């Protein structure tokens, strides 16, 4: 995958963690809604990819944006923040999006 796409993935992940930390620590309600909305949007996108064979095949042809362990570390940080802030339903949505992401990538992250 090109450096531009990889940078985009990393930037969006860093932005999500930063937004979650700021929303929780500074109690910024508008940022809480934005971060929660982004997590639900990711779930909807991944579900739509899973429901379309064309999109799924196209997505699988692309290279992985990062190594599997970086995704696991990022996911653990996000889930820890969400559970710590008592956003249990959003935590479930994030975990579901992680499962969908793993299925989309053919489960290769779990087989290593």
C-alpha atoms as a PDB file:
ATOM      1  CA  UNK A   1       0.000   0.000   0.000  1.00  0.00           C
ATOM      2  CA  UNK A   2       1.283   3.419  -0.788  1.00  0.00           C
ATOM      3  CA  UNK A   3       2.687   5.706   1.868  1.00  0.00           C
ATOM      4  CA  UNK A   4      -0.155   8.215   1.369  1.00  0.00           C
ATOM      5  CA  UNK A   5      -2.878   5.660   2.139  1.00  0.00           C
ATOM      6  CA  UNK A   6      -0.933   4.273   5.110  1.00  0.00           C
ATOM      7  CA  UNK A   7      -0.453   7.810   6.443  1.00  0.00           C
ATOM      8  CA  UNK A   8      -4.180   8.422   6.064  1.00  0.00           C
ATOM      9  CA  UNK A   9      -5.030   5.305   8.073  1.00  0.00           C
ATOM     10  CA  UNK A  10      -2.594   6.212  10.814  1.00  0.00           C
ATOM     11  CA  UNK A  11      -3.764   9.832  10.913  1.00  0.00           C
ATOM     12  CA  UNK A  12      -7.416   8.821  11.263  1.00  0.00           C
ATOM     13  CA  UNK A  13      -6.567   6.386  14.050  1.00  0.00           C
ATOM     14  CA  UNK A  14      -4.500   8.955  15.912  1.00  0.00           C
ATOM     15  CA  UNK A  15      -7.303  11.489  15.465  1.00  0.00           C
ATOM     16  CA  UNK A  16      -9.835   9.031  16.935  1.00  0.00           C
ATOM     17  CA  UNK A  17      -7.724   8.303  20.011  1.00  0.00           C
ATOM     18  CA  UNK A  18      -7.015  12.019  20.498  1.00  0.00           C
ATOM     19  CA  UNK A  19     -10.700  12.876  20.137  1.00  0.00           C
ATOM     20  CA  UNK A  20     -11.699  10.175  22.615  1.00  0.00           C
ATOM     21  CA  UNK A  21      -9.114  11.299  25.156  1.00  0.00           C
ATOM     22  CA  UNK A  22     -10.109  14.958  24.834  1.00  0.00           C
ATOM     23  CA  UNK A  23     -13.822  14.145  24.938  1.00  0.00           C
ATOM     24  CA  UNK A  24     -13.445  12.086  28.103  1.00  0.00           C
ATOM     25  CA  UNK A  25     -10.913  14.181  30.002  1.00  0.00           C
ATOM     26  CA  UNK A  26     -12.306  17.630  29.124  1.00  0.00           C
ATOM     27  CA  UNK A  27     -15.946  16.471  29.067  1.00  0.00           C
ATOM     28  CA  UNK A  28     -16.565  17.997  25.637  1.00  0.00           C
ATOM     29  CA  UNK A  29     -20.054  16.824  24.730  1.00  0.00           C
ATOM     30  CA  UNK A  30     -19.845  17.787  21.050  1.00  0.00           C
ATOM     31  CA  UNK A  31     -16.603  15.818  20.703  1.00  0.00           C
ATOM     32  CA  UNK A  32     -18.176  12.848  22.475  1.00  0.00           C
ATOM     33  CA  UNK A  33     -20.950  12.850  19.882  1.00  0.00           C
ATOM     34  CA  UNK A  34     -18.450  13.202  17.039  1.00  0.00           C
ATOM     35  CA  UNK A  35     -16.233  10.328  18.270  1.00  0.00           C
ATOM     36  CA  UNK A  36     -19.241   8.108  18.921  1.00  0.00           C
ATOM     37  CA  UNK A  37     -20.655   8.932  15.495  1.00  0.00           C
ATOM     38  CA  UNK A  38     -17.351   8.070  13.838  1.00  0.00           C
ATOM     39  CA  UNK A  39     -17.264   4.666  15.557  1.00  0.00           C
ATOM     40  CA  UNK A  40     -20.810   3.852  14.427  1.00  0.00           C
ATOM     41  CA  UNK A  41     -19.978   5.126  10.933  1.00  0.00           C
ATOM     42  CA  UNK A  42     -16.981   2.743  10.784  1.00  0.00           C
ATOM     43  CA  UNK A  43     -19.249  -0.153  11.767  1.00  0.00           C
ATOM     44  CA  UNK A  44     -21.747   0.746   9.041  1.00  0.00           C
ATOM     45  CA  UNK A  45     -19.003   1.024   6.430  1.00  0.00           C
ATOM     46  CA  UNK A  46     -17.506  -2.353   7.363  1.00  0.00           C
ATOM     47  CA  UNK A  47     -20.950  -3.982   7.339  1.00  0.00           C
ATOM     48  CA  UNK A  48     -21.669  -2.533   3.904  1.00  0.00           C
ATOM     49  CA  UNK A  49     -18.355  -3.916   2.626  1.00  0.00           C
ATOM     50  CA  UNK A  50     -19.244  -7.349   4.005  1.00  0.00           C
ATOM     51  CA  UNK A  51     -22.655  -7.296   2.318  1.00  0.00           C
ATOM     52  CA  UNK A  52     -21.288  -6.508  -1.146  1.00  0.00           C
ATOM     53  CA  UNK A  53     -19.184  -9.197  -2.843  1.00  0.00           C
ATOM     54  CA  UNK A  54     -17.700  -6.729  -5.333  1.00  0.00           C
ATOM     55  CA  UNK A  55     -16.631  -4.304  -2.640  1.00  0.00           C
ATOM     56  CA  UNK A  56     -15.310  -7.113  -0.449  1.00  0.00           C
ATOM     57  CA  UNK A  57     -13.143  -8.511  -3.236  1.00  0.00           C
ATOM     58  CA  UNK A  58     -11.914  -5.030  -4.124  1.00  0.00           C
ATOM     59  CA  UNK A  59     -11.053  -4.307  -0.478  1.00  0.00           C
ATOM     60  CA  UNK A  60      -9.232  -7.634  -0.065  1.00  0.00           C
ATOM     61  CA  UNK A  61      -7.062  -6.942  -3.123  1.00  0.00           C
ATOM     62  CA  UNK A  62      -5.585  -3.915  -1.410  1.00  0.00           C
ATOM     63  CA  UNK A  63      -2.575  -4.407   0.816  1.00  0.00           C
ATOM     64  CA  UNK A  64      -2.906  -4.145   4.561  1.00  0.00           C
ATOM     65  CA  UNK A  65      -2.506  -0.563   5.784  1.00  0.00           C
ATOM     66  CA  UNK A  66      -0.333  -1.570   8.746  1.00  0.00           C
ATOM     67  CA  UNK A  67       1.029  -4.627  10.524  1.00  0.00           C
ATOM     68  CA  UNK A  68      -1.478  -6.632  12.518  1.00  0.00           C
ATOM     69  CA  UNK A  69       0.046  -5.865  15.932  1.00  0.00           C
ATOM     70  CA  UNK A  70      -0.379  -2.112  15.411  1.00  0.00           C
ATOM     71  CA  UNK A  71      -4.109  -2.657  14.876  1.00  0.00           C
ATOM     72  CA  UNK A  72      -4.341  -4.772  18.037  1.00  0.00           C
ATOM     73  CA  UNK A  73      -2.546  -2.141  20.126  1.00  0.00           C
ATOM     74  CA  UNK A  74      -4.744   0.609  18.734  1.00  0.00           C
ATOM     75  CA  UNK A  75      -7.920  -1.427  19.336  1.00  0.00           C
ATOM     76  CA  UNK A  76      -6.943  -2.189  22.929  1.00  0.00           C
ATOM     77  CA  UNK A  77      -6.311   1.506  23.608  1.00  0.00           C
ATOM     78  CA  UNK A  78      -9.662   2.524  22.115  1.00  0.00           C
ATOM     79  CA  UNK A  79     -11.620  -0.200  23.947  1.00  0.00           C
ATOM     80  CA  UNK A  80      -9.905   0.737  27.225  1.00  0.00           C
ATOM     81  CA  UNK A  81     -10.873   4.401  26.784  1.00  0.00           C
ATOM     82  CA  UNK A  82     -14.458   3.506  25.871  1.00  0.00           C
ATOM     83  CA  UNK A  83     -14.928   1.114  28.800  1.00  0.00           C
ATOM     84  CA  UNK A  84     -13.265   3.563  31.171  1.00  0.00           C
ATOM     85  CA  UNK A  85     -15.735   6.252  30.144  1.00  0.00           C
ATOM     86  CA  UNK A  86     -18.706   3.837  30.541  1.00  0.00           C
ATOM     87  CA  UNK A  87     -19.708   4.003  26.856  1.00  0.00           C
ATOM     88  CA  UNK A  88     -20.636   0.336  26.764  1.00  0.00           C
ATOM     89  CA  UNK A  89     -22.910   0.372  23.717  1.00  0.00           C
ATOM     90  CA  UNK A  90     -20.305   2.295  21.707  1.00  0.00           C
ATOM     91  CA  UNK A  91     -17.678  -0.168  22.965  1.00  0.00           C
ATOM     92  CA  UNK A  92     -19.787  -3.026  21.593  1.00  0.00           C
ATOM     93  CA  UNK A  93     -20.096  -1.192  18.261  1.00  0.00           C
ATOM     94  CA  UNK A  94     -16.319  -0.665  18.133  1.00  0.00           C
ATOM     95  CA  UNK A  95     -15.623  -4.320  18.920  1.00  0.00           C
ATOM     96  CA  UNK A  96     -18.119  -5.344  16.231  1.00  0.00           C
ATOM     97  CA  UNK A  97     -16.333  -3.090  13.741  1.00  0.00           C
ATOM     98  CA  UNK A  98     -13.013  -4.708  14.719  1.00  0.00           C
ATOM     99  CA  UNK A  99     -14.492  -8.152  14.078  1.00  0.00           C
ATOM    100  CA  UNK A 100     -15.865  -6.990  10.723  1.00  0.00           C
ATOM    101  CA  UNK A 101     -12.469  -5.526   9.812  1.00  0.00           C
ATOM    102  CA  UNK A 102     -10.830  -8.842  10.642  1.00  0.00           C
ATOM    103  CA  UNK A 103     -13.361 -10.807   8.575  1.00  0.00           C
ATOM    104  CA  UNK A 104     -12.916  -8.416   5.654  1.00  0.00           C
ATOM    105  CA  UNK A 105      -9.172  -9.015   5.756  1.00  0.00           C
ATOM    106  CA  UNK A 106      -9.759 -12.762   5.631  1.00  0.00           C
ATOM    107  CA  UNK A 107      -8.974 -13.389   9.271  1.00  0.00           C
ATOM    108  CA  UNK A 108      -5.280 -13.258   8.492  1.00  0.00           C
ATOM    109  CA  UNK A 109      -4.541 -11.280  11.626  1.00  0.00           C
ATOM    110  CA  UNK A 110      -5.724 -14.123  13.845  1.00  0.00           C
ATOM    111  CA  UNK A 111      -3.756 -16.827  12.024  1.00  0.00           C
ATOM    112  CA  UNK A 112      -0.321 -15.340  12.515  1.00  0.00           C
END
